[in-house]
Amino acid sequence: MKKFLSLFFVGLLAAVCWSCSDDDNDEIVIDSNSLPHTANVFLQSYFTDDAPATISKDNTDGEYEVTLTSGVKVEFDAAGNWKEVESTLAAPIPNQDFIPMSIREYVAENYPENFKINAISRDQNGYEVQLTDLLKIHFDAQGNFVSVDN
């Protein structure tokens, strides 16, 4: 019986330790001085009135995530190039000047005025834009319309 209880408690301790492990332990909080210059220039150019609330770096892939005081989140790659900008669900991204003009024009021409861009991500294949009504629109790397997810 002692052996059973000992094994039980060792197993319980192992389970508790495993469940308390943090999958985000490769992410560390940093200050804006530790961001790449490109990322700081982007934030200062397009979010001048919106200070960073938290900045973190993922040590696994070297990417950065900045959450601004307004709730806007900006993800940067290891070099400091923006990958994704996301506002709260009900609000558009405050300054959209970094979004290619062709994408902004397409949204303005094809969607009602009350549907604005509240998230945009980019990769080597192009852009994915999410409107405030949660509709997702895909564009190629040159900003040309590709498709819509309904």
N, C-alpha and C. Protein backbone atom coordinates (compact mmCIF):
# COMPACT_ATOMS: atom_id res chain seq x y z
N MET A 1 0.81 -1.19 0.00
CA MET A 1 0.00 0.00 0.00
C MET A 1 0.87 1.27 0.00
N LYS A 2 1.99 1.24 0.77
CA LYS A 2 2.90 2.38 0.81
C LYS A 2 3.49 2.65 -0.58
N LYS A 3 3.82 1.57 -1.26
CA LYS A 3 4.40 1.70 -2.59
C LYS A 3 3.39 2.33 -3.56
N PHE A 4 2.15 1.89 -3.45
CA PHE A 4 1.10 2.44 -4.31
C PHE A 4 0.91 3.93 -4.03
N LEU A 5 0.82 4.31 -2.75
CA LEU A 5 0.64 5.71 -2.40
C LEU A 5 1.83 6.56 -2.85
N SER A 6 3.03 6.02 -2.70
CA SER A 6 4.22 6.75 -3.13
C SER A 6 4.19 6.99 -4.63
N LEU A 7 3.88 5.95 -5.39
CA LEU A 7 3.79 6.10 -6.84
C LEU A 7 2.66 7.05 -7.24
N PHE A 8 1.55 6.97 -6.52
CA PHE A 8 0.42 7.85 -6.79
C PHE A 8 0.83 9.32 -6.61
N PHE A 9 1.49 9.63 -5.49
CA PHE A 9 1.88 11.01 -5.23
C PHE A 9 2.98 11.50 -6.19
N VAL A 10 3.88 10.61 -6.58
CA VAL A 10 4.90 10.99 -7.56
C VAL A 10 4.22 11.29 -8.90
N GLY A 11 3.28 10.45 -9.29
CA GLY A 11 2.55 10.68 -10.52
C GLY A 11 1.72 11.95 -10.47
N LEU A 12 1.09 12.20 -9.33
CA LEU A 12 0.30 13.41 -9.15
C LEU A 12 1.18 14.66 -9.23
N LEU A 13 2.34 14.60 -8.59
CA LEU A 13 3.28 15.72 -8.62
C LEU A 13 3.75 15.97 -10.05
N ALA A 14 4.06 14.91 -10.78
CA ALA A 14 4.50 15.04 -12.17
C ALA A 14 3.39 15.66 -13.02
N ALA A 15 2.15 15.23 -12.81
CA ALA A 15 1.03 15.77 -13.57
C ALA A 15 0.82 17.25 -13.28
N VAL A 16 0.94 17.63 -12.01
CA VAL A 16 0.77 19.03 -11.64
C VAL A 16 1.88 19.88 -12.25
N CYS A 17 3.11 19.42 -12.18
CA CYS A 17 4.23 20.16 -12.76
C CYS A 17 4.07 20.30 -14.27
N TRP A 18 3.66 19.23 -14.93
CA TRP A 18 3.48 19.26 -16.38
C TRP A 18 2.36 20.22 -16.77
N SER A 19 1.25 20.20 -16.02
CA SER A 19 0.12 21.07 -16.36
C SER A 19 0.42 22.53 -16.08
N CYS A 20 1.37 22.80 -15.20
CA CYS A 20 1.72 24.19 -14.88
C CYS A 20 2.80 24.73 -15.80
N SER A 21 3.36 23.88 -16.65
CA SER A 21 4.40 24.37 -17.54
C SER A 21 3.79 25.36 -18.52
N ASP A 22 4.56 26.36 -18.89
CA ASP A 22 4.09 27.44 -19.76
C ASP A 22 4.60 27.19 -21.17
N ASP A 23 3.67 27.08 -22.12
CA ASP A 23 4.07 26.88 -23.50
C ASP A 23 4.69 28.13 -24.10
N ASP A 24 4.48 29.29 -23.48
CA ASP A 24 5.01 30.53 -23.98
C ASP A 24 6.32 30.92 -23.30
N ASN A 25 7.03 29.93 -22.74
CA ASN A 25 8.23 30.26 -21.99
C ASN A 25 9.35 30.77 -22.90
N ASP A 26 9.19 30.70 -24.20
CA ASP A 26 10.18 31.24 -25.12
C ASP A 26 9.90 32.70 -25.44
N GLU A 27 8.83 33.25 -24.86
CA GLU A 27 8.45 34.63 -25.10
C GLU A 27 8.87 35.47 -23.90
N ILE A 28 9.59 36.57 -24.17
CA ILE A 28 10.03 37.43 -23.09
C ILE A 28 9.53 38.86 -23.33
N VAL A 29 9.31 39.57 -22.25
CA VAL A 29 8.89 40.97 -22.33
C VAL A 29 10.13 41.82 -22.49
N ILE A 30 10.07 42.75 -23.43
CA ILE A 30 11.20 43.64 -23.71
C ILE A 30 10.71 45.09 -23.73
N ASP A 31 11.64 46.03 -23.84
CA ASP A 31 11.24 47.43 -23.99
C ASP A 31 11.43 47.85 -25.45
N SER A 32 10.94 49.05 -25.78
CA SER A 32 10.97 49.49 -27.18
C SER A 32 12.38 49.66 -27.71
N ASN A 33 13.35 49.88 -26.83
CA ASN A 33 14.74 50.00 -27.29
C ASN A 33 15.28 48.68 -27.84
N SER A 34 14.64 47.58 -27.47
CA SER A 34 15.08 46.26 -27.94
C SER A 34 14.41 45.84 -29.24
N LEU A 35 13.43 46.63 -29.70
CA LEU A 35 12.80 46.35 -30.99
C LEU A 35 13.76 46.71 -32.11
N PRO A 36 13.70 46.02 -33.24
CA PRO A 36 14.50 46.44 -34.39
C PRO A 36 14.12 47.86 -34.81
N HIS A 37 15.07 48.57 -35.37
CA HIS A 37 14.86 49.96 -35.79
C HIS A 37 13.67 50.07 -36.73
N THR A 38 13.53 49.13 -37.66
CA THR A 38 12.43 49.15 -38.63
C THR A 38 11.08 49.12 -37.93
N ALA A 39 10.96 48.31 -36.88
CA ALA A 39 9.70 48.22 -36.14
C ALA A 39 9.40 49.53 -35.42
N ASN A 40 10.41 50.11 -34.80
CA ASN A 40 10.21 51.39 -34.11
C ASN A 40 9.80 52.49 -35.08
N VAL A 41 10.42 52.52 -36.25
CA VAL A 41 10.05 53.52 -37.26
C VAL A 41 8.60 53.33 -37.70
N PHE A 42 8.18 52.09 -37.90
CA PHE A 42 6.80 51.80 -38.28
C PHE A 42 5.84 52.31 -37.22
N LEU A 43 6.10 52.00 -35.96
CA LEU A 43 5.21 52.43 -34.87
C LEU A 43 5.18 53.96 -34.76
N GLN A 44 6.33 54.59 -34.87
CA GLN A 44 6.39 56.05 -34.77
C GLN A 44 5.74 56.74 -35.97
N SER A 45 5.75 56.09 -37.12
CA SER A 45 5.17 56.67 -38.33
C SER A 45 3.65 56.56 -38.37
N TYR A 46 3.12 55.42 -37.93
CA TYR A 46 1.69 55.16 -38.12
C TYR A 46 0.87 55.14 -36.83
N PHE A 47 1.51 55.08 -35.69
CA PHE A 47 0.79 55.04 -34.41
C PHE A 47 1.43 56.02 -33.43
N THR A 48 1.59 57.25 -33.87
CA THR A 48 2.30 58.26 -33.08
C THR A 48 1.62 58.58 -31.76
N ASP A 49 0.30 58.54 -31.71
CA ASP A 49 -0.43 58.88 -30.49
C ASP A 49 -0.81 57.65 -29.67
N ASP A 50 -0.22 56.51 -29.98
CA ASP A 50 -0.62 55.25 -29.35
C ASP A 50 0.64 54.53 -28.85
N ALA A 51 0.93 54.68 -27.59
CA ALA A 51 2.16 54.13 -27.02
C ALA A 51 2.07 52.62 -26.82
N PRO A 52 3.19 51.93 -26.89
CA PRO A 52 3.20 50.49 -26.60
C PRO A 52 2.85 50.21 -25.13
N ALA A 53 1.91 49.31 -24.91
CA ALA A 53 1.57 48.87 -23.55
C ALA A 53 2.44 47.69 -23.17
N THR A 54 2.59 46.73 -24.10
CA THR A 54 3.48 45.58 -23.88
C THR A 54 4.22 45.26 -25.18
N ILE A 55 5.44 44.81 -25.02
CA ILE A 55 6.25 44.38 -26.16
C ILE A 55 6.87 43.05 -25.77
N SER A 56 6.72 42.06 -26.62
CA SER A 56 7.33 40.77 -26.32
C SER A 56 8.08 40.25 -27.54
N LYS A 57 9.05 39.41 -27.25
CA LYS A 57 9.86 38.79 -28.30
C LYS A 57 9.78 37.28 -28.12
N ASP A 58 9.56 36.59 -29.20
CA ASP A 58 9.55 35.13 -29.18
C ASP A 58 10.97 34.67 -29.50
N ASN A 59 11.62 34.06 -28.53
CA ASN A 59 13.00 33.63 -28.72
C ASN A 59 13.12 32.45 -29.68
N THR A 60 12.03 31.78 -29.96
CA THR A 60 12.08 30.65 -30.89
C THR A 60 12.29 31.12 -32.32
N ASP A 61 11.48 32.09 -32.76
CA ASP A 61 11.58 32.55 -34.15
C ASP A 61 12.05 34.00 -34.26
N GLY A 62 12.29 34.67 -33.14
CA GLY A 62 12.80 36.03 -33.15
C GLY A 62 11.77 37.08 -33.52
N GLU A 63 10.49 36.71 -33.56
CA GLU A 63 9.45 37.66 -33.92
C GLU A 63 9.01 38.46 -32.70
N TYR A 64 8.38 39.60 -32.98
CA TYR A 64 7.96 40.53 -31.94
C TYR A 64 6.46 40.76 -32.00
N GLU A 65 5.86 41.01 -30.84
CA GLU A 65 4.46 41.41 -30.78
C GLU A 65 4.34 42.62 -29.89
N VAL A 66 3.72 43.67 -30.41
CA VAL A 66 3.53 44.91 -29.66
C VAL A 66 2.03 45.13 -29.51
N THR A 67 1.60 45.33 -28.28
CA THR A 67 0.21 45.70 -28.01
C THR A 67 0.22 47.16 -27.59
N LEU A 68 -0.52 47.97 -28.32
CA LEU A 68 -0.57 49.40 -28.04
C LEU A 68 -1.66 49.69 -27.00
N THR A 69 -1.62 50.86 -26.41
CA THR A 69 -2.58 51.20 -25.36
C THR A 69 -4.02 51.19 -25.87
N SER A 70 -4.23 51.40 -27.16
CA SER A 70 -5.57 51.36 -27.75
C SER A 70 -6.08 49.94 -27.93
N GLY A 71 -5.21 48.95 -27.76
CA GLY A 71 -5.60 47.56 -27.99
C GLY A 71 -5.15 47.04 -29.35
N VAL A 72 -4.62 47.88 -30.20
CA VAL A 72 -4.10 47.44 -31.49
C VAL A 72 -2.88 46.57 -31.25
N LYS A 73 -2.82 45.44 -31.95
CA LYS A 73 -1.67 44.54 -31.86
C LYS A 73 -0.93 44.55 -33.18
N VAL A 74 0.40 44.65 -33.10
CA VAL A 74 1.23 44.64 -34.29
C VAL A 74 2.26 43.54 -34.13
N GLU A 75 2.35 42.65 -35.11
CA GLU A 75 3.36 41.59 -35.10
C GLU A 75 4.42 41.94 -36.14
N PHE A 76 5.68 41.73 -35.73
CA PHE A 76 6.82 42.00 -36.61
C PHE A 76 7.64 40.74 -36.77
N ASP A 77 8.29 40.58 -37.92
CA ASP A 77 9.22 39.48 -38.09
C ASP A 77 10.53 39.84 -37.38
N ALA A 78 11.51 38.96 -37.44
CA ALA A 78 12.76 39.17 -36.72
C ALA A 78 13.51 40.41 -37.18
N ALA A 79 13.30 40.83 -38.44
CA ALA A 79 13.97 42.01 -38.97
C ALA A 79 13.22 43.30 -38.63
N GLY A 80 12.01 43.19 -38.10
CA GLY A 80 11.23 44.37 -37.74
C GLY A 80 10.21 44.78 -38.78
N ASN A 81 9.97 43.95 -39.79
CA ASN A 81 8.96 44.24 -40.81
C ASN A 81 7.59 43.79 -40.28
N TRP A 82 6.57 44.61 -40.48
CA TRP A 82 5.26 44.24 -39.96
C TRP A 82 4.72 43.03 -40.70
N LYS A 83 4.09 42.14 -39.94
CA LYS A 83 3.46 40.94 -40.50
C LYS A 83 1.95 41.01 -40.36
N GLU A 84 1.49 41.57 -39.23
CA GLU A 84 0.06 41.64 -38.96
C GLU A 84 -0.24 42.84 -38.08
N VAL A 85 -1.35 43.50 -38.39
CA VAL A 85 -1.86 44.59 -37.56
C VAL A 85 -3.33 44.28 -37.33
N GLU A 86 -3.72 44.31 -36.06
CA GLU A 86 -5.09 43.92 -35.72
C GLU A 86 -5.65 44.86 -34.66
N SER A 87 -6.86 45.36 -34.91
CA SER A 87 -7.55 46.20 -33.95
C SER A 87 -8.61 45.34 -33.25
N THR A 88 -9.34 45.94 -32.33
CA THR A 88 -10.42 45.20 -31.69
C THR A 88 -11.49 44.89 -32.73
N LEU A 89 -12.32 43.90 -32.47
CA LEU A 89 -13.30 43.46 -33.46
C LEU A 89 -14.21 44.56 -33.99
N ALA A 90 -14.63 45.47 -33.13
CA ALA A 90 -15.60 46.47 -33.55
C ALA A 90 -14.96 47.72 -34.14
N ALA A 91 -13.65 47.86 -34.00
CA ALA A 91 -13.01 49.12 -34.41
C ALA A 91 -12.04 48.90 -35.57
N PRO A 92 -12.00 49.86 -36.50
CA PRO A 92 -11.02 49.76 -37.58
C PRO A 92 -9.63 50.14 -37.08
N ILE A 93 -8.62 49.75 -37.85
CA ILE A 93 -7.25 50.17 -37.55
C ILE A 93 -7.23 51.69 -37.70
N PRO A 94 -6.75 52.42 -36.68
CA PRO A 94 -6.84 53.88 -36.71
C PRO A 94 -6.13 54.56 -37.89
N ASN A 95 -4.90 54.20 -38.17
CA ASN A 95 -4.17 54.80 -39.29
C ASN A 95 -3.87 53.68 -40.28
N GLN A 96 -4.40 53.81 -41.48
CA GLN A 96 -4.26 52.74 -42.46
C GLN A 96 -3.32 53.13 -43.61
N ASP A 97 -2.51 54.14 -43.41
CA ASP A 97 -1.64 54.61 -44.48
C ASP A 97 -0.58 53.59 -44.89
N PHE A 98 -0.28 52.62 -44.04
CA PHE A 98 0.71 51.59 -44.38
C PHE A 98 0.12 50.51 -45.27
N ILE A 99 -1.20 50.46 -45.37
CA ILE A 99 -1.87 49.46 -46.20
C ILE A 99 -1.78 49.93 -47.65
N PRO A 100 -1.41 49.05 -48.58
CA PRO A 100 -1.30 49.46 -49.98
C PRO A 100 -2.58 50.16 -50.47
N MET A 101 -2.39 51.22 -51.23
CA MET A 101 -3.50 52.04 -51.72
C MET A 101 -4.52 51.20 -52.50
N SER A 102 -4.06 50.24 -53.29
CA SER A 102 -5.00 49.43 -54.07
C SER A 102 -5.95 48.64 -53.18
N ILE A 103 -5.48 48.20 -52.03
CA ILE A 103 -6.33 47.46 -51.09
C ILE A 103 -7.33 48.41 -50.45
N ARG A 104 -6.86 49.56 -50.01
CA ARG A 104 -7.77 50.54 -49.39
C ARG A 104 -8.84 50.98 -50.38
N GLU A 105 -8.44 51.20 -51.63
CA GLU A 105 -9.41 51.62 -52.65
C GLU A 105 -10.42 50.51 -52.93
N TYR A 106 -9.97 49.27 -53.01
CA TYR A 106 -10.88 48.16 -53.26
C TYR A 106 -11.94 48.06 -52.16
N VAL A 107 -11.50 48.15 -50.92
CA VAL A 107 -12.44 48.06 -49.79
C VAL A 107 -13.41 49.24 -49.83
N ALA A 108 -12.92 50.44 -50.09
CA ALA A 108 -13.78 51.63 -50.13
C ALA A 108 -14.81 51.55 -51.24
N GLU A 109 -14.43 51.00 -52.38
CA GLU A 109 -15.34 50.93 -53.53
C GLU A 109 -16.34 49.79 -53.44
N ASN A 110 -15.98 48.70 -52.77
CA ASN A 110 -16.82 47.50 -52.81
C ASN A 110 -17.58 47.16 -51.53
N TYR A 111 -17.35 47.91 -50.47
CA TYR A 111 -18.02 47.59 -49.21
C TYR A 111 -18.59 48.86 -48.61
N PRO A 112 -19.71 48.70 -47.92
CA PRO A 112 -20.36 49.89 -47.33
C PRO A 112 -19.39 50.65 -46.42
N GLU A 113 -19.67 51.91 -46.29
CA GLU A 113 -18.80 52.80 -45.52
C GLU A 113 -18.62 52.34 -44.08
N ASN A 114 -19.60 51.66 -43.52
CA ASN A 114 -19.49 51.25 -42.12
C ASN A 114 -18.63 49.99 -41.93
N PHE A 115 -18.18 49.36 -43.01
CA PHE A 115 -17.27 48.21 -42.90
C PHE A 115 -15.86 48.67 -43.21
N LYS A 116 -15.03 48.66 -42.21
CA LYS A 116 -13.66 49.15 -42.33
C LYS A 116 -12.67 48.01 -42.06
N ILE A 117 -11.44 48.22 -42.42
CA ILE A 117 -10.39 47.23 -42.18
C ILE A 117 -10.02 47.25 -40.71
N ASN A 118 -10.16 46.09 -40.05
CA ASN A 118 -9.74 46.03 -38.65
C ASN A 118 -8.61 45.03 -38.42
N ALA A 119 -8.16 44.35 -39.48
CA ALA A 119 -6.99 43.48 -39.36
C ALA A 119 -6.41 43.27 -40.76
N ILE A 120 -5.09 43.19 -40.82
CA ILE A 120 -4.42 42.89 -42.07
C ILE A 120 -3.17 42.10 -41.75
N SER A 121 -2.93 41.07 -42.53
CA SER A 121 -1.69 40.31 -42.38
C SER A 121 -1.08 40.14 -43.77
N ARG A 122 0.22 39.94 -43.79
CA ARG A 122 0.89 39.77 -45.07
C ARG A 122 1.98 38.71 -44.93
N ASP A 123 2.21 38.05 -46.06
CA ASP A 123 3.31 37.09 -46.17
C ASP A 123 3.77 37.13 -47.62
N GLN A 124 4.60 36.20 -48.03
CA GLN A 124 5.15 36.22 -49.38
C GLN A 124 4.07 36.02 -50.45
N ASN A 125 2.92 35.46 -50.08
CA ASN A 125 1.85 35.22 -51.05
C ASN A 125 0.92 36.41 -51.23
N GLY A 126 0.92 37.33 -50.28
CA GLY A 126 0.03 38.48 -50.39
C GLY A 126 -0.54 38.91 -49.05
N TYR A 127 -1.75 39.45 -49.10
CA TYR A 127 -2.39 40.06 -47.94
C TYR A 127 -3.72 39.38 -47.64
N GLU A 128 -4.06 39.33 -46.37
CA GLU A 128 -5.40 38.95 -45.95
C GLU A 128 -5.93 40.09 -45.11
N VAL A 129 -7.09 40.61 -45.50
CA VAL A 129 -7.71 41.74 -44.83
C VAL A 129 -9.00 41.25 -44.17
N GLN A 130 -9.21 41.68 -42.93
CA GLN A 130 -10.47 41.38 -42.26
C GLN A 130 -11.19 42.69 -42.00
N LEU A 131 -12.48 42.72 -42.38
CA LEU A 131 -13.28 43.91 -42.15
C LEU A 131 -13.96 43.82 -40.79
N THR A 132 -14.55 44.94 -40.36
CA THR A 132 -15.21 44.97 -39.05
C THR A 132 -16.42 44.04 -38.97
N ASP A 133 -16.93 43.58 -40.12
CA ASP A 133 -18.03 42.61 -40.10
C ASP A 133 -17.49 41.17 -40.17
N LEU A 134 -16.17 41.01 -40.01
CA LEU A 134 -15.44 39.73 -39.98
C LEU A 134 -15.26 39.09 -41.36
N LEU A 135 -15.68 39.76 -42.42
CA LEU A 135 -15.45 39.28 -43.77
C LEU A 135 -13.95 39.32 -44.06
N LYS A 136 -13.41 38.27 -44.70
CA LYS A 136 -11.99 38.23 -45.04
C LYS A 136 -11.81 38.32 -46.55
N ILE A 137 -10.89 39.21 -46.95
CA ILE A 137 -10.62 39.44 -48.36
C ILE A 137 -9.14 39.16 -48.60
N HIS A 138 -8.84 38.44 -49.67
CA HIS A 138 -7.46 38.08 -50.00
C HIS A 138 -6.98 38.88 -51.22
N PHE A 139 -5.73 39.32 -51.13
CA PHE A 139 -5.09 40.07 -52.21
C PHE A 139 -3.74 39.44 -52.49
N ASP A 140 -3.26 39.57 -53.71
CA ASP A 140 -1.93 39.05 -54.02
C ASP A 140 -0.87 40.01 -53.49
N ALA A 141 0.39 39.69 -53.73
CA ALA A 141 1.50 40.49 -53.20
C ALA A 141 1.53 41.91 -53.78
N GLN A 142 0.89 42.13 -54.93
CA GLN A 142 0.84 43.46 -55.53
C GLN A 142 -0.39 44.24 -55.08
N GLY A 143 -1.24 43.63 -54.26
CA GLY A 143 -2.43 44.30 -53.77
C GLY A 143 -3.64 44.14 -54.65
N ASN A 144 -3.59 43.18 -55.58
CA ASN A 144 -4.74 42.92 -56.46
C ASN A 144 -5.69 41.94 -55.79
N PHE A 145 -7.00 42.18 -55.95
CA PHE A 145 -8.02 41.32 -55.38
C PHE A 145 -7.87 39.88 -55.88
N VAL A 146 -8.02 38.91 -54.94
CA VAL A 146 -7.96 37.50 -55.30
C VAL A 146 -9.29 36.81 -54.98
N SER A 147 -9.73 36.91 -53.70
CA SER A 147 -10.96 36.20 -53.31
C SER A 147 -11.51 36.76 -52.01
N VAL A 148 -12.75 36.32 -51.70
CA VAL A 148 -13.43 36.69 -50.46
C VAL A 148 -13.88 35.44 -49.76
N ASP A 149 -13.68 35.38 -48.45
CA ASP A 149 -14.23 34.29 -47.62
C ASP A 149 -15.52 34.79 -46.99
N ASN A 150 -16.61 34.12 -47.31
CA ASN A 150 -17.91 34.52 -46.73
C ASN A 150 -18.17 33.82 -45.43
